[in-house]
């Protein structure tokens, strides 16, 4: 709700708290909580994107992508959309950052690994 109403300070605080809780729970049951961690990371990255903290956004998008790719390798039907969502967000971020090729290269390298 806070993100949707552009109350990004509150959204960031709640996402960070949710991430902390989910990472704690995942330490005992990763299979149950890693998808939630990836979603929270993606949402938190969105907050950073919309508040023009692009380096932080990239960091959190990449963490989310790492989790989704690992999940995709085990359950492609369940997690293909998560991989695609985060990749799309990274492409948008890269377009905004213009001139930084690190993310674009990383994106293409990751994509090639998934489908070769």
C-alpha atoms as a PDB file:
ATOM      1  CA  UNK A   1       0.000   0.000   0.000  1.00  0.00           C
ATOM      2  CA  UNK A   2       2.760   2.457   0.871  1.00  0.00           C
ATOM      3  CA  UNK A   3       4.557   1.904  -2.433  1.00  0.00           C
ATOM      4  CA  UNK A   4       1.321   2.256  -4.395  1.00  0.00           C
ATOM      5  CA  UNK A   5       0.579   5.561  -2.686  1.00  0.00           C
ATOM      6  CA  UNK A   6       4.160   6.791  -3.135  1.00  0.00           C
ATOM      7  CA  UNK A   7       4.897   6.811   0.579  1.00  0.00           C
ATOM      8  CA  UNK A   8       8.329   5.403  -0.089  1.00  0.00           C
ATOM      9  CA  UNK A   9       9.893   6.098   3.307  1.00  0.00           C
ATOM     10  CA  UNK A  10       7.268   3.958   5.009  1.00  0.00           C
ATOM     11  CA  UNK A  11       7.407   1.331   2.254  1.00  0.00           C
ATOM     12  CA  UNK A  12      11.171   1.034   2.605  1.00  0.00           C
ATOM     13  CA  UNK A  13      10.927   0.560   6.381  1.00  0.00           C
ATOM     14  CA  UNK A  14       8.319  -2.183   6.086  1.00  0.00           C
ATOM     15  CA  UNK A  15      10.118  -3.963   3.242  1.00  0.00           C
ATOM     16  CA  UNK A  16      13.379  -3.929   5.214  1.00  0.00           C
ATOM     17  CA  UNK A  17      11.607  -5.370   8.245  1.00  0.00           C
ATOM     18  CA  UNK A  18       9.875  -8.012   6.118  1.00  0.00           C
ATOM     19  CA  UNK A  19      13.213  -8.899   4.533  1.00  0.00           C
ATOM     20  CA  UNK A  20      14.816  -9.295   7.950  1.00  0.00           C
ATOM     21  CA  UNK A  21      12.009 -11.573   9.157  1.00  0.00           C
ATOM     22  CA  UNK A  22      11.940 -13.655   5.982  1.00  0.00           C
ATOM     23  CA  UNK A  23      15.719 -14.102   5.940  1.00  0.00           C
ATOM     24  CA  UNK A  24      15.563 -15.258   9.548  1.00  0.00           C
ATOM     25  CA  UNK A  25      12.805 -17.752   8.725  1.00  0.00           C
ATOM     26  CA  UNK A  26      14.692 -18.919   5.618  1.00  0.00           C
ATOM     27  CA  UNK A  27      17.697 -19.847   7.693  1.00  0.00           C
ATOM     28  CA  UNK A  28      15.652 -22.800   8.985  1.00  0.00           C
ATOM     29  CA  UNK A  29      13.375 -23.366   5.955  1.00  0.00           C
ATOM     30  CA  UNK A  30      14.883 -21.860   2.789  1.00  0.00           C
ATOM     31  CA  UNK A  31      12.582 -23.748   0.448  1.00  0.00           C
ATOM     32  CA  UNK A  32       9.556 -22.124   2.066  1.00  0.00           C
ATOM     33  CA  UNK A  33      10.819 -18.543   2.353  1.00  0.00           C
ATOM     34  CA  UNK A  34      13.286 -17.908  -0.479  1.00  0.00           C
ATOM     35  CA  UNK A  35      10.515 -17.014  -2.970  1.00  0.00           C
ATOM     36  CA  UNK A  36       9.206 -14.441  -0.482  1.00  0.00           C
ATOM     37  CA  UNK A  37      12.708 -13.060  -0.006  1.00  0.00           C
ATOM     38  CA  UNK A  38      13.105 -12.634  -3.770  1.00  0.00           C
ATOM     39  CA  UNK A  39       9.759 -10.839  -4.010  1.00  0.00           C
ATOM     40  CA  UNK A  40      10.641  -8.554  -1.107  1.00  0.00           C
ATOM     41  CA  UNK A  41      14.043  -7.765  -2.648  1.00  0.00           C
ATOM     42  CA  UNK A  42      12.374  -6.909  -5.954  1.00  0.00           C
ATOM     43  CA  UNK A  43       9.831  -4.669  -4.227  1.00  0.00           C
ATOM     44  CA  UNK A  44      12.492  -2.957  -2.144  1.00  0.00           C
ATOM     45  CA  UNK A  45      14.542  -2.368  -5.299  1.00  0.00           C
ATOM     46  CA  UNK A  46      11.460  -0.733  -6.786  1.00  0.00           C
ATOM     47  CA  UNK A  47      11.344   1.709  -3.883  1.00  0.00           C
ATOM     48  CA  UNK A  48      14.995   2.558  -4.488  1.00  0.00           C
ATOM     49  CA  UNK A  49      14.348   2.937  -8.196  1.00  0.00           C
ATOM     50  CA  UNK A  50      11.448   5.331  -7.672  1.00  0.00           C
ATOM     51  CA  UNK A  51      13.471   7.368  -5.180  1.00  0.00           C
ATOM     52  CA  UNK A  52      16.388   7.580  -7.631  1.00  0.00           C
ATOM     53  CA  UNK A  53      18.772   5.469  -5.564  1.00  0.00           C
ATOM     54  CA  UNK A  54      19.766   3.489  -8.614  1.00  0.00           C
ATOM     55  CA  UNK A  55      22.846   1.747  -7.235  1.00  0.00           C
ATOM     56  CA  UNK A  56      20.832   0.380  -4.312  1.00  0.00           C
ATOM     57  CA  UNK A  57      18.046  -0.635  -6.695  1.00  0.00           C
ATOM     58  CA  UNK A  58      20.510  -2.542  -8.843  1.00  0.00           C
ATOM     59  CA  UNK A  59      21.977  -4.320  -5.809  1.00  0.00           C
ATOM     60  CA  UNK A  60      18.571  -5.522  -4.633  1.00  0.00           C
ATOM     61  CA  UNK A  61      17.380  -6.458  -8.129  1.00  0.00           C
ATOM     62  CA  UNK A  62      20.514  -8.562  -8.608  1.00  0.00           C
ATOM     63  CA  UNK A  63      19.996 -10.302  -5.270  1.00  0.00           C
ATOM     64  CA  UNK A  64      16.387 -11.070  -6.242  1.00  0.00           C
ATOM     65  CA  UNK A  65      17.509 -12.331  -9.640  1.00  0.00           C
ATOM     66  CA  UNK A  66      20.073 -14.640  -8.064  1.00  0.00           C
ATOM     67  CA  UNK A  67      17.378 -16.275  -5.930  1.00  0.00           C
ATOM     68  CA  UNK A  68      14.856 -16.509  -8.763  1.00  0.00           C
ATOM     69  CA  UNK A  69      17.465 -18.057 -11.067  1.00  0.00           C
ATOM     70  CA  UNK A  70      18.345 -20.680  -8.464  1.00  0.00           C
ATOM     71  CA  UNK A  71      14.649 -21.462  -7.980  1.00  0.00           C
ATOM     72  CA  UNK A  72      14.125 -21.477 -11.755  1.00  0.00           C
ATOM     73  CA  UNK A  73      16.841 -24.100 -12.184  1.00  0.00           C
ATOM     74  CA  UNK A  74      14.842 -26.444  -9.935  1.00  0.00           C
ATOM     75  CA  UNK A  75      11.266 -25.454 -10.843  1.00  0.00           C
ATOM     76  CA  UNK A  76      11.240 -23.609 -14.178  1.00  0.00           C
ATOM     77  CA  UNK A  77       7.445 -23.558 -14.519  1.00  0.00           C
ATOM     78  CA  UNK A  78       7.036 -21.853 -11.154  1.00  0.00           C
ATOM     79  CA  UNK A  79       9.805 -19.273 -11.346  1.00  0.00           C
ATOM     80  CA  UNK A  80      10.234 -18.279 -14.996  1.00  0.00           C
ATOM     81  CA  UNK A  81       7.959 -15.284 -14.439  1.00  0.00           C
ATOM     82  CA  UNK A  82      10.034 -14.150 -11.439  1.00  0.00           C
ATOM     83  CA  UNK A  83      13.235 -14.293 -13.491  1.00  0.00           C
ATOM     84  CA  UNK A  84      11.578 -12.400 -16.340  1.00  0.00           C
ATOM     85  CA  UNK A  85      10.134  -9.755 -14.014  1.00  0.00           C
ATOM     86  CA  UNK A  86      13.466  -8.933 -12.400  1.00  0.00           C
ATOM     87  CA  UNK A  87      15.288  -8.994 -15.746  1.00  0.00           C
ATOM     88  CA  UNK A  88      12.735  -6.518 -17.109  1.00  0.00           C
ATOM     89  CA  UNK A  89      13.251  -4.285 -14.075  1.00  0.00           C
ATOM     90  CA  UNK A  90      17.013  -4.398 -14.595  1.00  0.00           C
ATOM     91  CA  UNK A  91      16.624  -3.459 -18.270  1.00  0.00           C
ATOM     92  CA  UNK A  92      14.467  -0.484 -17.305  1.00  0.00           C
ATOM     93  CA  UNK A  93      16.964   0.557 -14.655  1.00  0.00           C
ATOM     94  CA  UNK A  94      19.814   0.243 -17.139  1.00  0.00           C
ATOM     95  CA  UNK A  95      17.974   2.449 -19.593  1.00  0.00           C
ATOM     96  CA  UNK A  96      17.617   5.110 -16.911  1.00  0.00           C
ATOM     97  CA  UNK A  97      21.241   4.902 -15.816  1.00  0.00           C
ATOM     98  CA  UNK A  98      22.482   5.169 -19.444  1.00  0.00           C
ATOM     99  CA  UNK A  99      26.135   4.670 -19.932  1.00  0.00           C
ATOM    100  CA  UNK A 100      26.565   1.922 -17.356  1.00  0.00           C
ATOM    101  CA  UNK A 101      27.031  -1.318 -19.247  1.00  0.00           C
ATOM    102  CA  UNK A 102      27.782  -3.555 -16.268  1.00  0.00           C
ATOM    103  CA  UNK A 103      24.139  -4.495 -15.619  1.00  0.00           C
ATOM    104  CA  UNK A 104      23.369  -5.047 -19.294  1.00  0.00           C
ATOM    105  CA  UNK A 105      26.332  -7.352 -19.708  1.00  0.00           C
ATOM    106  CA  UNK A 106      25.455  -9.180 -16.516  1.00  0.00           C
ATOM    107  CA  UNK A 107      21.858  -9.555 -17.716  1.00  0.00           C
ATOM    108  CA  UNK A 108      22.906 -11.108 -21.044  1.00  0.00           C
ATOM    109  CA  UNK A 109      25.451 -13.388 -19.394  1.00  0.00           C
ATOM    110  CA  UNK A 110      22.815 -14.646 -16.949  1.00  0.00           C
ATOM    111  CA  UNK A 111      20.247 -15.136 -19.696  1.00  0.00           C
ATOM    112  CA  UNK A 112      22.691 -17.141 -21.782  1.00  0.00           C
ATOM    113  CA  UNK A 113      23.451 -19.424 -18.802  1.00  0.00           C
ATOM    114  CA  UNK A 114      19.760 -20.117 -18.229  1.00  0.00           C
ATOM    115  CA  UNK A 115      19.022 -21.214 -21.768  1.00  0.00           C
ATOM    116  CA  UNK A 116      22.213 -23.006 -22.829  1.00  0.00           C
END
